[in-house]
Amino acid sequence: MANTPSAKKAARKIERRTAVNRSRRSRMRTFVKKVEEAIKAGDKTAATEAFKAAEPVLVRAAQKGIVHRNTASRKVSRLAHAIASLTA
């Protein structure tokens, strides 16, 4: 357990940041899941709409340090490719 005042404060800050990061990560995963489900169902229009909503969430997660920017870019790229490969 933290003993010094600064260590106690750091522990409090980490706890708050962890809650925020957990929320952001969950939100990102939910948006990606919606796109993947639409792709699996073969619904190109729904997948495109879900992707338009998911892309900014992924980019924002990378900016906030929730995921690495290359990871976010890779996810966006793979989802876009999967949607493009669907027949209309």
C-alpha atoms as a PDB file:
ATOM      1  CA  MET A   1       0.000   0.000   0.000  1.00  0.00           C
ATOM      2  CA  ALA A   2       1.125   3.547  -0.759  1.00  0.00           C
ATOM      3  CA  ASN A   3       2.686   5.329   2.215  1.00  0.00           C
ATOM      4  CA  THR A   4       3.688   8.804   1.053  1.00  0.00           C
ATOM      5  CA  PRO A   5       1.071  11.434   0.224  1.00  0.00           C
ATOM      6  CA  SER A   6       2.263  11.625  -3.378  1.00  0.00           C
ATOM      7  CA  ALA A   7       2.018   7.850  -3.779  1.00  0.00           C
ATOM      8  CA  LYS A   8      -1.492   7.905  -2.314  1.00  0.00           C
ATOM      9  CA  LYS A   9      -2.510  10.631  -4.745  1.00  0.00           C
ATOM     10  CA  ALA A  10      -0.953   8.705  -7.651  1.00  0.00           C
ATOM     11  CA  ALA A  11      -2.961   5.625  -6.646  1.00  0.00           C
ATOM     12  CA  ARG A  12      -6.175   7.692  -6.652  1.00  0.00           C
ATOM     13  CA  LYS A  13      -5.365   9.150 -10.073  1.00  0.00           C
ATOM     14  CA  ILE A  14      -4.574   5.720 -11.509  1.00  0.00           C
ATOM     15  CA  GLU A  15      -7.892   4.399 -10.216  1.00  0.00           C
ATOM     16  CA  ARG A  16      -9.800   7.209 -11.951  1.00  0.00           C
ATOM     17  CA  ARG A  17      -7.868   6.849 -15.212  1.00  0.00           C
ATOM     18  CA  THR A  18      -8.381   3.079 -15.204  1.00  0.00           C
ATOM     19  CA  ALA A  19     -12.150   3.548 -14.965  1.00  0.00           C
ATOM     20  CA  VAL A  20     -12.136   6.001 -17.882  1.00  0.00           C
ATOM     21  CA  ASN A  21      -9.880   3.778 -19.993  1.00  0.00           C
ATOM     22  CA  ARG A  22     -12.012   0.714 -19.265  1.00  0.00           C
ATOM     23  CA  SER A  23     -15.097   2.601 -20.433  1.00  0.00           C
ATOM     24  CA  ARG A  24     -13.406   3.788 -23.620  1.00  0.00           C
ATOM     25  CA  ARG A  25     -12.066   0.323 -24.412  1.00  0.00           C
ATOM     26  CA  SER A  26     -15.507  -1.195 -23.891  1.00  0.00           C
ATOM     27  CA  ARG A  27     -17.101   1.435 -26.155  1.00  0.00           C
ATOM     28  CA  MET A  28     -14.531   0.753 -28.871  1.00  0.00           C
ATOM     29  CA  ARG A  29     -15.101  -3.014 -28.699  1.00  0.00           C
ATOM     30  CA  THR A  30     -18.888  -2.535 -28.881  1.00  0.00           C
ATOM     31  CA  PHE A  31     -18.645  -0.423 -32.030  1.00  0.00           C
ATOM     32  CA  VAL A  32     -16.277  -2.908 -33.685  1.00  0.00           C
ATOM     33  CA  LYS A  33     -18.575  -5.792 -32.731  1.00  0.00           C
ATOM     34  CA  LYS A  34     -21.543  -4.065 -34.403  1.00  0.00           C
ATOM     35  CA  VAL A  35     -19.576  -3.789 -37.659  1.00  0.00           C
ATOM     36  CA  GLU A  36     -18.419  -7.414 -37.467  1.00  0.00           C
ATOM     37  CA  GLU A  37     -21.966  -8.665 -36.829  1.00  0.00           C
ATOM     38  CA  ALA A  38     -23.285  -6.713 -39.833  1.00  0.00           C
ATOM     39  CA  ILE A  39     -20.482  -8.155 -41.984  1.00  0.00           C
ATOM     40  CA  LYS A  40     -21.230 -11.677 -40.760  1.00  0.00           C
ATOM     41  CA  ALA A  41     -24.918 -11.173 -41.597  1.00  0.00           C
ATOM     42  CA  GLY A  42     -23.903 -10.053 -45.093  1.00  0.00           C
ATOM     43  CA  ASP A  43     -25.697  -6.698 -44.792  1.00  0.00           C
ATOM     44  CA  LYS A  44     -23.466  -4.237 -46.633  1.00  0.00           C
ATOM     45  CA  THR A  45     -25.533  -1.112 -45.915  1.00  0.00           C
ATOM     46  CA  ALA A  46     -25.753  -1.830 -42.181  1.00  0.00           C
ATOM     47  CA  ALA A  47     -22.050  -2.683 -42.116  1.00  0.00           C
ATOM     48  CA  THR A  48     -21.182   0.587 -43.859  1.00  0.00           C
ATOM     49  CA  GLU A  49     -23.287   2.618 -41.428  1.00  0.00           C
ATOM     50  CA  ALA A  50     -21.777   0.809 -38.428  1.00  0.00           C
ATOM     51  CA  PHE A  51     -18.285   1.333 -39.863  1.00  0.00           C
ATOM     52  CA  LYS A  52     -18.886   5.084 -40.255  1.00  0.00           C
ATOM     53  CA  ALA A  53     -19.722   5.207 -36.555  1.00  0.00           C
ATOM     54  CA  ALA A  54     -16.884   2.892 -35.486  1.00  0.00           C
ATOM     55  CA  GLU A  55     -13.985   4.494 -37.364  1.00  0.00           C
ATOM     56  CA  PRO A  56     -13.868   7.743 -35.325  1.00  0.00           C
ATOM     57  CA  VAL A  57     -14.210   5.769 -32.096  1.00  0.00           C
ATOM     58  CA  LEU A  58     -11.190   3.645 -33.053  1.00  0.00           C
ATOM     59  CA  VAL A  59      -9.120   6.680 -34.027  1.00  0.00           C
ATOM     60  CA  ARG A  60     -10.055   8.460 -30.793  1.00  0.00           C
ATOM     61  CA  ALA A  61      -9.088   5.386 -28.778  1.00  0.00           C
ATOM     62  CA  ALA A  62      -5.665   5.468 -30.439  1.00  0.00           C
ATOM     63  CA  GLN A  63      -5.284   9.185 -29.690  1.00  0.00           C
ATOM     64  CA  LYS A  64      -6.180   8.614 -26.043  1.00  0.00           C
ATOM     65  CA  GLY A  65      -3.679   5.766 -25.736  1.00  0.00           C
ATOM     66  CA  ILE A  66      -6.246   3.007 -25.265  1.00  0.00           C
ATOM     67  CA  VAL A  67      -4.790   1.096 -28.219  1.00  0.00           C
ATOM     68  CA  HIS A  68      -1.665   1.698 -30.272  1.00  0.00           C
ATOM     69  CA  ARG A  69      -2.298   3.774 -33.394  1.00  0.00           C
ATOM     70  CA  ASN A  70      -1.088   0.953 -35.631  1.00  0.00           C
ATOM     71  CA  THR A  71      -3.582  -1.398 -33.994  1.00  0.00           C
ATOM     72  CA  ALA A  72      -6.430   1.062 -34.599  1.00  0.00           C
ATOM     73  CA  SER A  73      -5.307   1.576 -38.177  1.00  0.00           C
ATOM     74  CA  ARG A  74      -5.107  -2.173 -38.756  1.00  0.00           C
ATOM     75  CA  LYS A  75      -8.609  -2.716 -37.357  1.00  0.00           C
ATOM     76  CA  VAL A  76     -10.044   0.063 -39.538  1.00  0.00           C
ATOM     77  CA  SER A  77      -8.283  -1.325 -42.594  1.00  0.00           C
ATOM     78  CA  ARG A  78      -9.461  -4.902 -42.032  1.00  0.00           C
ATOM     79  CA  LEU A  79     -13.049  -3.830 -41.397  1.00  0.00           C
ATOM     80  CA  ALA A  80     -13.043  -1.632 -44.526  1.00  0.00           C
ATOM     81  CA  HIS A  81     -11.650  -4.494 -46.601  1.00  0.00           C
ATOM     82  CA  ALA A  82     -14.247  -6.904 -45.252  1.00  0.00           C
ATOM     83  CA  ILE A  83     -17.058  -4.475 -46.094  1.00  0.00           C
ATOM     84  CA  ALA A  84     -15.658  -3.887 -49.573  1.00  0.00           C
ATOM     85  CA  SER A  85     -15.548  -7.618 -50.220  1.00  0.00           C
ATOM     86  CA  LEU A  86     -19.280  -7.958 -49.441  1.00  0.00           C
ATOM     87  CA  THR A  87     -21.568  -8.077 -52.455  1.00  0.00           C
ATOM     88  CA  ALA A  88     -24.222  -5.378 -52.496  1.00  0.00           C
END
